[in-house]
Amino acid sequence: MTGEPSRSDELDQVRRMLFPDLPADQGWARIDAAIAGAAADRRGPDDEPPGARELPDELLELLRDALRDEQ
């Protein structure tokens, strides 16, 4: 996985549960977009990136915590 972030088995399991029919790179892209969108919640709706509202707030918070723990 050169150039890709390292993700735990637990995070990969979450990705598979959320997007079982998508290839890994597309699932991670949706998760990354949702996290980026959540980080920019202060912006107006016209400025919101695609995918920002695809994941529930509770799941986004769990993913943020897991990503912080891995860093």
Protein backbone atom coordinates (compact mmCIF):
# COMPACT_ATOMS: atom_id res chain seq x y z
CA MET A 1 0.00 0.00 0.00
CA THR A 2 2.47 2.63 -1.03
CA GLY A 3 1.25 6.19 -0.53
CA GLU A 4 -1.98 5.11 1.15
CA PRO A 5 -2.73 5.76 4.82
CA SER A 6 -2.40 2.83 7.17
CA ARG A 7 -5.79 1.76 8.52
CA SER A 8 -6.51 -0.74 11.25
CA ASP A 9 -8.41 -3.96 10.68
CA GLU A 10 -11.25 -2.48 12.73
CA LEU A 11 -11.55 0.55 10.46
CA ASP A 12 -11.45 -1.66 7.40
CA GLN A 13 -14.25 -3.75 8.90
CA VAL A 14 -16.33 -0.57 9.35
CA ARG A 15 -15.68 0.33 5.72
CA ARG A 16 -16.82 -3.11 4.58
CA MET A 17 -19.97 -2.87 6.72
CA LEU A 18 -20.85 0.57 5.36
CA PHE A 19 -20.07 -0.09 1.71
CA PRO A 20 -20.07 -3.86 1.13
CA ASP A 21 -20.62 -3.54 -2.63
CA LEU A 22 -17.94 -0.93 -3.32
CA PRO A 23 -14.25 -1.53 -3.98
CA ALA A 24 -12.06 -0.55 -1.02
CA ASP A 25 -10.76 2.64 -2.66
CA GLN A 26 -14.27 3.92 -3.36
CA GLY A 27 -15.47 3.10 0.15
CA TRP A 28 -12.50 4.90 1.69
CA ALA A 29 -13.08 7.86 -0.63
CA ARG A 30 -16.66 8.18 0.65
CA ILE A 31 -15.55 7.90 4.27
CA ASP A 32 -12.76 10.45 3.74
CA ALA A 33 -15.17 12.86 2.02
CA ALA A 34 -17.69 12.52 4.85
CA ILE A 35 -15.00 13.19 7.47
CA ALA A 36 -13.71 16.20 5.53
CA GLY A 37 -17.25 17.51 5.17
CA ALA A 38 -17.93 17.07 8.87
CA ALA A 39 -14.77 19.01 9.68
CA ALA A 40 -16.09 21.87 7.58
CA ASP A 41 -19.60 21.97 9.05
CA ARG A 42 -19.30 25.70 9.64
CA ARG A 43 -19.46 26.35 5.92
CA GLY A 44 -22.72 26.98 4.13
CA PRO A 45 -24.53 24.24 2.20
CA ASP A 46 -23.29 25.57 -1.16
CA ASP A 47 -19.69 25.00 -0.04
CA GLU A 48 -20.25 21.44 1.21
CA PRO A 49 -18.12 18.80 -0.53
CA PRO A 50 -19.80 15.74 -2.06
CA GLY A 51 -20.31 12.93 0.42
CA ALA A 52 -20.26 15.17 3.46
CA ARG A 53 -23.69 14.04 4.64
CA GLU A 54 -23.46 10.35 3.74
CA LEU A 55 -22.54 9.12 7.22
CA PRO A 56 -24.43 9.69 10.48
CA ASP A 57 -22.82 12.09 12.95
CA GLU A 58 -22.30 9.34 15.54
CA LEU A 59 -20.40 7.19 13.05
CA LEU A 60 -18.28 10.14 11.93
CA GLU A 61 -17.29 10.80 15.53
CA LEU A 62 -16.32 7.14 16.02
CA LEU A 63 -14.24 7.22 12.85
CA ARG A 64 -12.52 10.47 13.89
CA ASP A 65 -11.66 8.95 17.28
CA ALA A 66 -10.29 5.80 15.69
CA LEU A 67 -8.20 7.79 13.21
CA ARG A 68 -6.80 9.99 16.02
CA ASP A 69 -5.87 6.86 18.01
CA GLU A 70 -3.91 5.50 15.03
CA GLN A 71 -1.84 8.66 14.57
